[in-house]
Protein backbone atom coordinates (compact mmCIF):
# COMPACT_ATOMS: atom_id res chain seq x y z
CA MET A 1 0.00 0.00 0.00
CA LYS A 2 1.38 3.41 -0.89
CA ASP A 3 2.06 5.81 1.96
CA ARG A 4 -0.55 8.51 1.51
CA ARG A 5 1.73 11.28 2.74
CA THR A 6 4.82 10.54 0.67
CA ASP A 7 4.10 12.59 -2.43
CA ARG A 8 2.65 15.45 -0.44
CA GLU A 9 5.67 15.68 1.81
CA LEU A 10 8.07 15.73 -1.13
CA ARG A 11 6.38 18.84 -2.54
CA PRO A 12 6.73 22.33 -1.03
CA LEU A 13 3.52 23.69 0.40
CA GLY A 14 1.50 25.20 -2.39
CA GLY A 15 3.59 23.50 -5.12
CA GLY A 16 6.42 25.15 -6.97
CA ASP A 17 10.12 24.47 -7.34
CA PRO A 18 11.38 21.99 -4.70
CA SER A 19 14.78 23.72 -4.74
CA ALA A 20 13.31 27.14 -3.94
CA PRO A 21 14.03 28.54 -0.45
CA ARG A 22 11.24 27.86 2.03
CA THR A 23 9.26 30.72 3.47
CA ARG A 24 9.15 31.35 7.22
CA LEU A 25 5.56 30.06 7.24
CA GLU A 26 6.69 26.79 5.66
CA GLU A 27 9.55 26.51 8.15
CA ARG A 28 7.20 27.04 11.09
CA SER A 29 4.81 24.45 9.67
CA GLU A 30 7.64 21.91 9.45
CA GLU A 31 8.80 22.78 12.98
CA THR A 32 5.27 22.13 14.26
CA ARG A 33 5.12 18.81 12.44
CA GLN A 34 8.49 17.70 13.81
CA ALA A 35 7.54 18.72 17.35
CA LEU A 36 4.43 16.52 17.13
CA ILE A 37 6.45 13.60 15.76
CA GLN A 38 9.08 13.91 18.49
CA ALA A 39 6.54 14.13 21.29
CA ALA A 40 4.59 11.16 19.91
CA ARG A 41 7.77 9.16 19.42
CA GLU A 42 8.80 9.50 23.06
CA LEU A 43 5.33 8.56 24.30
CA PHE A 44 4.88 5.64 21.87
CA ALA A 45 8.31 4.29 22.80
CA GLU A 46 7.43 4.45 26.50
CA ARG A 47 3.88 3.07 26.51
CA GLY A 48 3.04 1.90 23.02
CA PHE A 49 0.47 3.11 20.48
CA ALA A 50 -2.59 1.91 22.38
CA GLY A 51 -1.46 3.47 25.66
CA VAL A 52 -1.15 7.04 24.37
CA GLY A 53 -3.96 9.44 23.49
CA THR A 54 -3.86 12.40 21.12
CA GLU A 55 -4.56 14.87 23.95
CA GLU A 56 -1.42 13.70 25.71
CA ILE A 57 0.61 14.06 22.53
CA VAL A 58 -0.46 17.64 21.87
CA ARG A 59 0.20 18.58 25.51
CA ALA A 60 3.70 17.11 25.34
CA ALA A 61 4.36 18.94 22.07
CA ARG A 62 2.79 22.16 23.43
CA MET A 63 0.50 22.27 20.42
CA THR A 64 -3.24 22.19 19.82
CA ARG A 65 -5.42 19.39 18.49
CA GLY A 66 -6.02 21.63 15.48
CA ALA A 67 -2.29 21.66 14.75
CA LEU A 68 -2.15 17.88 15.02
CA TYR A 69 -5.03 17.32 12.60
CA HIS A 70 -3.69 19.96 10.23
CA HIS A 71 -0.58 17.81 9.72
CA PHE A 72 -1.95 14.31 10.30
CA GLU A 73 -5.24 12.74 9.33
CA SER A 74 -5.40 10.53 12.42
CA LYS A 75 -3.42 9.06 15.29
CA GLU A 76 -2.47 6.21 12.95
CA ASP A 77 -1.19 8.72 10.39
CA LEU A 78 0.98 10.32 13.07
CA PHE A 79 2.25 6.89 14.10
CA ARG A 80 3.19 6.20 10.48
CA ALA A 81 5.33 9.36 10.44
CA VAL A 82 6.93 8.37 13.75
CA TYR A 83 7.74 4.90 12.42
CA GLU A 84 9.31 6.40 9.30
CA ASP A 85 11.39 8.69 11.53
CA VAL A 86 12.63 5.68 13.51
CA GLU A 87 13.41 3.71 10.35
CA ARG A 88 15.31 6.60 8.77
CA GLU A 89 17.49 7.08 11.84
CA LEU A 90 18.04 3.34 12.17
CA VAL A 91 19.24 2.97 8.58
CA GLU A 92 21.53 5.98 8.98
CA ARG A 93 23.02 4.40 12.12
CA ILE A 94 23.48 1.03 10.44
CA GLY A 95 24.98 2.70 7.38
CA THR A 96 27.53 4.51 9.52
CA ASP A 97 28.61 1.25 11.16
CA ALA A 98 28.74 -0.55 7.82
CA MET A 99 30.84 2.16 6.18
CA SER A 100 33.48 1.81 8.88
CA ALA A 101 34.02 -1.87 7.97
CA PRO A 102 37.13 -2.78 5.95
CA ASP A 103 35.27 -4.63 3.17
CA PRO A 104 31.69 -5.28 1.93
CA LEU A 105 31.34 -8.66 3.66
CA GLN A 106 32.37 -7.17 6.99
CA ALA A 107 29.97 -4.31 6.26
CA LEU A 108 27.12 -6.84 6.01
CA ARG A 109 28.17 -8.38 9.31
CA ALA A 110 28.50 -4.96 10.98
CA GLY A 111 25.10 -3.89 9.66
CA ALA A 112 23.40 -7.03 10.95
CA ARG A 113 25.01 -6.61 14.38
CA ALA A 114 24.03 -2.93 14.50
CA PHE A 115 20.42 -3.82 13.67
CA LEU A 116 20.23 -6.46 16.38
CA ASP A 117 21.83 -4.05 18.86
CA ALA A 118 19.22 -1.45 17.92
CA CYS A 119 16.47 -3.89 18.90
CA GLU A 120 17.31 -3.02 22.51
CA ASP A 121 16.49 0.65 21.87
CA PRO A 122 12.97 1.24 23.28
CA ALA A 123 11.91 3.29 20.26
CA VAL A 124 13.02 0.67 17.76
CA GLN A 125 11.72 -2.21 19.84
CA ARG A 126 8.28 -0.89 20.69
CA ILE A 127 7.53 1.29 17.66
CA ALA A 128 9.21 -0.46 14.73
CA LEU A 129 9.03 -4.11 15.77
CA LEU A 130 6.07 -4.55 18.13
CA ASP A 131 3.48 -1.89 17.26
CA ALA A 132 4.09 -1.01 13.60
CA PRO A 133 3.06 -4.37 12.10
CA SER A 134 -0.27 -4.36 13.95
CA VAL A 135 -1.06 -0.62 13.74
CA LEU A 136 -0.15 -0.18 10.07
CA GLY A 137 -0.72 -3.73 8.85
CA TRP A 138 1.96 -6.04 7.52
CA GLU A 139 1.98 -4.63 3.97
CA GLN A 140 2.56 -1.01 5.01
CA TRP A 141 5.04 -2.00 7.70
CA ARG A 142 7.03 -4.01 5.18
CA GLU A 143 6.81 -1.36 2.44
CA ILE A 144 8.23 1.33 4.71
CA GLY A 145 10.95 -0.96 6.02
CA LEU A 146 11.99 -1.89 2.48
CA ARG A 147 11.96 1.73 1.36
CA TYR A 148 14.55 2.68 3.95
CA GLY A 149 16.67 -0.47 4.28
CA PHE A 150 16.50 -2.44 1.05
CA GLY A 151 18.78 -0.20 -0.99
CA LEU A 152 21.56 -0.35 1.58
CA VAL A 153 21.42 -4.17 1.75
CA GLN A 154 21.31 -4.57 -2.03
CA GLN A 155 24.21 -2.18 -2.65
CA THR A 156 26.38 -3.90 -0.05
CA LEU A 157 25.64 -7.34 -1.50
CA GLU A 158 26.52 -6.08 -4.97
CA ALA A 159 29.81 -4.68 -3.68
CA ALA A 160 30.63 -7.98 -1.93
CA MET A 161 30.00 -9.90 -5.16
CA GLU A 162 32.10 -7.48 -7.16
CA ALA A 163 34.92 -8.10 -4.67
CA ASP A 164 34.44 -11.89 -5.07
CA MET A 165 33.59 -12.20 -1.38
CA LEU A 166 30.16 -13.69 -2.07
CA GLU A 167 29.08 -16.15 -4.73
CA ARG A 168 27.66 -14.31 -7.72
CA GLN A 169 23.89 -14.70 -8.04
CA PRO A 170 20.79 -12.53 -8.64
CA VAL A 171 21.10 -9.76 -6.06
CA ARG A 172 17.50 -8.63 -5.60
CA PRO A 173 16.02 -11.92 -4.34
CA LEU A 174 19.05 -12.44 -2.10
CA ALA A 175 18.61 -8.95 -0.64
CA HIS A 176 14.95 -9.73 0.13
CA LEU A 177 15.92 -13.03 1.73
CA LEU A 178 18.65 -11.46 3.87
CA LEU A 179 16.53 -8.50 4.95
CA GLY A 180 13.60 -10.77 5.75
CA SER A 181 15.74 -13.07 7.87
CA ILE A 182 17.23 -10.15 9.78
CA ASP A 183 13.76 -8.69 10.35
CA GLU A 184 12.60 -12.03 11.75
CA ALA A 185 15.70 -12.20 13.94
CA ALA A 186 14.92 -8.70 15.20
CA MET A 187 11.37 -9.77 16.09
CA LEU A 188 12.75 -12.63 18.16
CA VAL A 189 15.19 -10.35 19.96
CA ALA A 190 12.54 -7.69 20.63
CA ARG A 191 10.22 -10.23 22.27
CA ALA A 192 12.89 -12.11 24.23
CA ASP A 193 13.56 -11.59 27.92
CA ASP A 194 16.48 -13.89 28.50
CA GLY A 195 19.47 -11.70 29.25
CA GLY A 196 20.63 -11.51 25.63
CA LYS A 197 20.66 -15.26 24.94
CA THR A 198 18.32 -15.00 21.95
CA LYS A 199 20.25 -12.06 20.53
CA ARG A 200 23.53 -14.00 20.68
CA GLU A 201 21.94 -17.06 19.06
CA VAL A 202 20.34 -15.19 16.16
CA ALA A 203 23.50 -13.12 15.61
CA ALA A 204 25.47 -16.36 15.27
CA ALA A 205 22.84 -17.73 12.87
CA VAL A 206 23.10 -14.62 10.68
CA GLU A 207 26.91 -14.99 10.65
CA ARG A 208 26.58 -18.61 9.52
CA PHE A 209 24.12 -17.61 6.81
CA LEU A 210 26.54 -15.00 5.44
CA ASP A 211 29.39 -17.53 5.56
CA SER A 212 27.31 -19.95 3.50
CA LEU A 213 27.14 -17.37 0.69
CA ARG A 214 30.91 -17.20 0.24
CA PRO A 215 32.40 -18.77 -2.92
CA SER A 216 33.35 -22.40 -2.50
CA GLY A 217 36.89 -23.62 -3.14
């Protein structure tokens, strides 16, 4: 399902040239929107989507209900923006860790470890892994996750194959398979309460999976 806000957010208010400087009114509108997202993010991370009301969000953001419904069609629409904010930051964090690796294969390993580590972040755990699939539905949850993370995984796999560190094969299906397995691993970690045992086990399983993709001989 297409995110209803995507095209609208990519256009300046009122249309026009996207490269044109924003007016002060547009800047204030964006500041209001970001304040609502930040306030909602902190509350959703602490108590979950169902445990937070819109009145509490606007109080925390020091805004009005009118401001909230000017920017978001519903509480679910606001949650969608919060989830996208979490995903964007998460991919940026993973990308930073991956870029510090000495080669593409190590970048894949570093990215997987960074993602599993992030599962212990309350915002990632509660918003992205526990609430988002049920609030947004599986299709929207997956579409947003792929939009932010798929490109990074695919590019790193391509680089590893170019360096002859992974067996050459169609990249796109492999990227889906790897991202899906890491997402499932993250779900296990987010729901576990065993002192990190599950996290260590799934991290080792991901390592073995990556090893199995290396050229034989």
